[in-house]
């Protein structure tokens, strides 16, 4: 493969990745903890969109439990969102792992 062809291929891949990164803002995932007592929604860019807390958790007055549930749900949301982004990029790059390059 000639250098010019390789450069053109790299430019095309970069354009595809840029489009995917833009589109990820419209993808949504949901994560939860405590059997659904705390729910979060994230977009594909690891931005949290919403947080729902079951009123029963608040009534119990266990602040430490509530904090643990929020942290667990947020961490799960970030993990799922990151996996979604990696999957979309992997699909666009025909399965080539370029995660260290972006």
N, C-alpha and C. Protein backbone atom coordinates (compact mmCIF):
# COMPACT_ATOMS: atom_id res chain seq x y z
N UNK A 1 0.85 -1.17 0.00
CA UNK A 1 0.00 0.00 0.00
C UNK A 1 0.90 1.24 0.00
N UNK A 2 0.59 2.15 -0.84
CA UNK A 2 1.38 3.38 -0.95
C UNK A 2 1.07 4.30 0.23
N UNK A 3 2.01 5.15 0.53
CA UNK A 3 1.86 6.09 1.64
C UNK A 3 0.64 6.99 1.44
N UNK A 4 0.39 7.43 0.23
CA UNK A 4 -0.75 8.30 -0.06
C UNK A 4 -2.07 7.57 0.24
N UNK A 5 -2.13 6.29 -0.12
CA UNK A 5 -3.34 5.51 0.15
C UNK A 5 -3.53 5.33 1.65
N UNK A 6 -2.44 5.07 2.34
CA UNK A 6 -2.51 4.89 3.79
C UNK A 6 -2.98 6.18 4.47
N UNK A 7 -2.47 7.30 4.01
CA UNK A 7 -2.87 8.60 4.55
C UNK A 7 -4.35 8.86 4.30
N UNK A 8 -4.81 8.53 3.10
CA UNK A 8 -6.23 8.72 2.76
C UNK A 8 -7.12 7.84 3.63
N UNK A 9 -6.68 6.61 3.86
CA UNK A 9 -7.42 5.68 4.71
C UNK A 9 -7.49 6.21 6.14
N UNK A 10 -6.38 6.74 6.63
CA UNK A 10 -6.35 7.31 7.98
C UNK A 10 -7.28 8.51 8.10
N UNK A 11 -7.32 9.34 7.08
CA UNK A 11 -8.22 10.50 7.08
C UNK A 11 -9.68 10.05 7.11
N UNK A 12 -9.98 9.03 6.34
CA UNK A 12 -11.36 8.51 6.31
C UNK A 12 -11.74 7.95 7.68
N UNK A 13 -10.83 7.19 8.29
CA UNK A 13 -11.10 6.62 9.61
C UNK A 13 -11.31 7.74 10.63
N UNK A 14 -10.50 8.78 10.57
CA UNK A 14 -10.65 9.89 11.51
C UNK A 14 -12.00 10.59 11.32
N UNK A 15 -12.43 10.76 10.08
CA UNK A 15 -13.73 11.38 9.81
C UNK A 15 -14.86 10.52 10.38
N UNK A 16 -14.75 9.21 10.22
CA UNK A 16 -15.76 8.30 10.76
C UNK A 16 -15.81 8.38 12.29
N UNK A 17 -14.66 8.39 12.91
CA UNK A 17 -14.59 8.46 14.37
C UNK A 17 -15.17 9.77 14.87
N UNK A 18 -14.87 10.86 14.19
CA UNK A 18 -15.41 12.17 14.58
C UNK A 18 -16.94 12.16 14.50
N UNK A 19 -17.48 11.57 13.44
CA UNK A 19 -18.95 11.48 13.29
C UNK A 19 -19.55 10.64 14.41
N UNK A 20 -18.91 9.53 14.72
CA UNK A 20 -19.41 8.66 15.79
C UNK A 20 -19.41 9.41 17.12
N UNK A 21 -18.33 10.12 17.40
CA UNK A 21 -18.24 10.86 18.65
C UNK A 21 -19.34 11.92 18.74
N UNK A 22 -19.66 12.55 17.63
CA UNK A 22 -20.76 13.52 17.62
C UNK A 22 -22.11 12.82 17.83
N UNK A 23 -22.30 11.68 17.18
CA UNK A 23 -23.56 10.94 17.29
C UNK A 23 -23.78 10.35 18.68
N UNK A 24 -22.70 10.08 19.40
CA UNK A 24 -22.82 9.47 20.72
C UNK A 24 -23.58 10.35 21.71
N UNK A 25 -23.65 11.65 21.46
CA UNK A 25 -24.40 12.50 22.37
C UNK A 25 -25.89 12.19 22.35
N UNK A 26 -26.35 11.52 21.29
CA UNK A 26 -27.77 11.19 21.17
C UNK A 26 -28.10 9.78 21.64
N UNK A 27 -27.08 8.97 21.88
CA UNK A 27 -27.28 7.61 22.41
C UNK A 27 -27.52 7.72 23.91
N UNK A 28 -28.40 6.88 24.44
CA UNK A 28 -28.65 6.89 25.88
C UNK A 28 -28.58 5.48 26.46
N UNK A 29 -28.01 5.41 27.64
CA UNK A 29 -28.00 4.16 28.38
C UNK A 29 -28.51 4.46 29.79
N UNK A 30 -29.05 3.43 30.42
CA UNK A 30 -29.53 3.57 31.80
C UNK A 30 -28.80 2.56 32.67
N UNK A 31 -28.47 3.00 33.86
CA UNK A 31 -27.87 2.10 34.85
C UNK A 31 -28.61 2.30 36.16
N UNK A 32 -28.52 1.29 37.02
CA UNK A 32 -29.22 1.38 38.30
C UNK A 32 -28.47 0.64 39.38
N UNK A 33 -28.86 0.92 40.60
CA UNK A 33 -28.30 0.18 41.73
C UNK A 33 -29.40 0.02 42.77
N UNK A 34 -29.15 -0.87 43.71
CA UNK A 34 -30.14 -1.10 44.77
C UNK A 34 -31.45 -1.63 44.24
N UNK A 35 -31.38 -2.45 43.21
CA UNK A 35 -32.61 -3.01 42.65
C UNK A 35 -33.51 -1.96 42.03
N UNK A 36 -32.92 -0.89 41.52
CA UNK A 36 -33.69 0.16 40.87
C UNK A 36 -34.01 1.34 41.78
N UNK A 37 -33.50 1.32 43.00
CA UNK A 37 -33.77 2.45 43.90
C UNK A 37 -33.08 3.73 43.42
N UNK A 38 -31.95 3.58 42.74
CA UNK A 38 -31.25 4.71 42.15
C UNK A 38 -31.03 4.39 40.68
N UNK A 39 -31.46 5.31 39.80
CA UNK A 39 -31.29 5.13 38.36
C UNK A 39 -30.62 6.37 37.79
N UNK A 40 -29.73 6.13 36.83
CA UNK A 40 -29.07 7.23 36.14
C UNK A 40 -29.15 6.98 34.64
N UNK A 41 -29.13 8.07 33.88
CA UNK A 41 -29.05 7.97 32.43
C UNK A 41 -27.82 8.75 31.98
N UNK A 42 -27.11 8.15 31.05
CA UNK A 42 -25.92 8.76 30.46
C UNK A 42 -26.07 8.75 28.95
N UNK A 43 -25.39 9.68 28.30
CA UNK A 43 -25.30 9.59 26.85
C UNK A 43 -24.01 8.85 26.51
N UNK A 44 -23.74 8.66 25.25
CA UNK A 44 -22.57 7.93 24.82
C UNK A 44 -21.26 8.68 25.00
N UNK A 45 -21.35 9.90 25.49
CA UNK A 45 -20.15 10.70 25.74
C UNK A 45 -19.82 10.75 27.22
N UNK A 46 -20.36 9.83 27.99
CA UNK A 46 -20.16 9.72 29.43
C UNK A 46 -20.66 10.96 30.19
N UNK A 47 -21.69 11.61 29.65
CA UNK A 47 -22.31 12.74 30.33
C UNK A 47 -23.59 12.26 30.99
N UNK A 48 -23.72 12.51 32.30
CA UNK A 48 -24.91 12.07 33.00
C UNK A 48 -26.06 13.01 32.64
N UNK A 49 -27.18 12.43 32.24
CA UNK A 49 -28.34 13.19 31.81
C UNK A 49 -29.39 13.32 32.90
N UNK A 50 -29.51 12.28 33.73
CA UNK A 50 -30.52 12.34 34.79
C UNK A 50 -30.17 11.39 35.93
N UNK A 51 -30.78 11.68 37.06
CA UNK A 51 -30.62 10.88 38.28
C UNK A 51 -31.99 10.77 38.92
N UNK A 52 -32.42 9.54 39.18
CA UNK A 52 -33.69 9.29 39.87
C UNK A 52 -33.40 8.53 41.16
N UNK A 53 -34.00 8.99 42.24
CA UNK A 53 -33.85 8.31 43.53
C UNK A 53 -35.23 7.98 44.04
N UNK A 54 -35.45 6.72 44.35
CA UNK A 54 -36.72 6.28 44.91
C UNK A 54 -36.93 7.00 46.24
N UNK A 55 -38.08 7.64 46.44
CA UNK A 55 -38.35 8.36 47.69
C UNK A 55 -38.22 7.49 48.94
N UNK A 56 -38.43 6.20 48.80
CA UNK A 56 -38.31 5.31 49.95
C UNK A 56 -36.89 5.30 50.52
N UNK A 57 -35.90 5.44 49.64
CA UNK A 57 -34.51 5.46 50.10
C UNK A 57 -34.27 6.69 50.97
N UNK A 58 -34.86 7.78 50.58
CA UNK A 58 -34.68 9.04 51.33
C UNK A 58 -35.42 8.95 52.67
N UNK A 59 -36.61 8.35 52.66
CA UNK A 59 -37.40 8.22 53.89
C UNK A 59 -36.66 7.42 54.95
N UNK A 60 -35.88 6.44 54.49
CA UNK A 60 -35.15 5.61 55.44
C UNK A 60 -34.09 6.41 56.18
N UNK A 61 -33.63 7.50 55.59
CA UNK A 61 -32.68 8.37 56.26
C UNK A 61 -31.26 7.87 56.33
N UNK A 62 -30.95 6.82 55.63
CA UNK A 62 -29.59 6.26 55.63
C UNK A 62 -28.77 6.96 54.53
N UNK A 63 -28.12 8.04 54.90
CA UNK A 63 -27.37 8.85 53.96
C UNK A 63 -26.20 8.06 53.36
N UNK A 64 -25.55 7.27 54.17
CA UNK A 64 -24.42 6.48 53.68
C UNK A 64 -24.87 5.49 52.61
N UNK A 65 -26.00 4.83 52.84
CA UNK A 65 -26.53 3.89 51.85
C UNK A 65 -26.87 4.64 50.56
N UNK A 66 -27.51 5.78 50.68
CA UNK A 66 -27.88 6.56 49.51
C UNK A 66 -26.64 6.95 48.71
N UNK A 67 -25.61 7.41 49.39
CA UNK A 67 -24.37 7.78 48.71
C UNK A 67 -23.76 6.59 47.99
N UNK A 68 -23.74 5.44 48.65
CA UNK A 68 -23.20 4.23 48.03
C UNK A 68 -23.99 3.83 46.79
N UNK A 69 -25.31 3.94 46.86
CA UNK A 69 -26.16 3.59 45.72
C UNK A 69 -25.94 4.55 44.55
N UNK A 70 -25.80 5.83 44.84
CA UNK A 70 -25.56 6.82 43.78
C UNK A 70 -24.21 6.55 43.12
N UNK A 71 -23.18 6.35 43.92
CA UNK A 71 -21.85 6.08 43.36
C UNK A 71 -21.88 4.81 42.50
N UNK A 72 -22.53 3.77 42.97
CA UNK A 72 -22.59 2.51 42.22
C UNK A 72 -23.32 2.71 40.89
N UNK A 73 -24.43 3.42 40.91
CA UNK A 73 -25.20 3.64 39.68
C UNK A 73 -24.40 4.50 38.70
N UNK A 74 -23.76 5.54 39.19
CA UNK A 74 -22.97 6.42 38.31
C UNK A 74 -21.80 5.64 37.70
N UNK A 75 -21.10 4.88 38.51
CA UNK A 75 -19.99 4.09 37.98
C UNK A 75 -20.45 3.10 36.92
N UNK A 76 -21.58 2.47 37.14
CA UNK A 76 -22.13 1.53 36.16
C UNK A 76 -22.52 2.27 34.88
N UNK A 77 -23.10 3.45 35.03
CA UNK A 77 -23.47 4.25 33.86
C UNK A 77 -22.26 4.66 33.04
N UNK A 78 -21.21 5.07 33.71
CA UNK A 78 -19.97 5.44 33.01
C UNK A 78 -19.40 4.23 32.28
N UNK A 79 -19.39 3.08 32.95
CA UNK A 79 -18.86 1.86 32.33
C UNK A 79 -19.66 1.50 31.08
N UNK A 80 -20.99 1.51 31.19
CA UNK A 80 -21.83 1.15 30.05
C UNK A 80 -21.67 2.15 28.91
N UNK A 81 -21.59 3.42 29.25
CA UNK A 81 -21.43 4.46 28.23
C UNK A 81 -20.10 4.31 27.51
N UNK A 82 -19.07 4.01 28.25
CA UNK A 82 -17.75 3.81 27.66
C UNK A 82 -17.74 2.59 26.75
N UNK A 83 -18.38 1.52 27.18
CA UNK A 83 -18.48 0.31 26.36
C UNK A 83 -19.23 0.59 25.06
N UNK A 84 -20.30 1.39 25.15
CA UNK A 84 -21.07 1.75 23.96
C UNK A 84 -20.18 2.51 22.97
N UNK A 85 -19.44 3.49 23.46
CA UNK A 85 -18.56 4.27 22.59
C UNK A 85 -17.51 3.38 21.93
N UNK A 86 -16.90 2.50 22.72
CA UNK A 86 -15.88 1.60 22.17
C UNK A 86 -16.47 0.68 21.11
N UNK A 87 -17.67 0.19 21.36
CA UNK A 87 -18.34 -0.70 20.40
C UNK A 87 -18.61 0.02 19.08
N UNK A 88 -19.11 1.24 19.16
CA UNK A 88 -19.42 2.01 17.95
C UNK A 88 -18.16 2.28 17.14
N UNK A 89 -17.08 2.63 17.81
CA UNK A 89 -15.82 2.92 17.13
C UNK A 89 -15.25 1.64 16.53
N UNK A 90 -15.36 0.56 17.26
CA UNK A 90 -14.85 -0.73 16.76
C UNK A 90 -15.60 -1.15 15.49
N UNK A 91 -16.91 -0.92 15.48
CA UNK A 91 -17.71 -1.24 14.29
C UNK A 91 -17.25 -0.39 13.10
N UNK A 92 -16.96 0.88 13.35
CA UNK A 92 -16.56 1.78 12.26
C UNK A 92 -15.16 1.50 11.75
N UNK A 93 -14.33 0.89 12.57
CA UNK A 93 -12.96 0.62 12.16
C UNK A 93 -12.76 -0.86 11.82
N UNK A 94 -13.84 -1.53 11.50
CA UNK A 94 -13.81 -2.94 11.10
C UNK A 94 -13.13 -3.83 12.11
N UNK A 95 -13.35 -3.52 13.39
CA UNK A 95 -12.84 -4.38 14.45
C UNK A 95 -11.41 -4.11 14.87
N UNK A 96 -10.75 -3.14 14.25
CA UNK A 96 -9.38 -2.82 14.64
C UNK A 96 -9.43 -2.03 15.95
N UNK A 97 -8.68 -2.47 16.95
CA UNK A 97 -8.68 -1.79 18.24
C UNK A 97 -7.76 -0.58 18.18
N UNK A 98 -8.38 0.61 18.19
CA UNK A 98 -7.59 1.84 18.16
C UNK A 98 -7.83 2.66 19.42
N UNK A 99 -8.30 2.01 20.46
CA UNK A 99 -8.66 2.72 21.69
C UNK A 99 -7.51 3.53 22.26
N UNK A 100 -6.28 3.12 22.06
CA UNK A 100 -5.15 3.88 22.56
C UNK A 100 -4.81 5.08 21.70
N UNK A 101 -5.41 5.18 20.54
CA UNK A 101 -5.10 6.26 19.61
C UNK A 101 -6.04 7.45 19.70
N UNK A 102 -7.21 7.25 20.36
CA UNK A 102 -8.17 8.35 20.42
C UNK A 102 -8.43 8.75 21.84
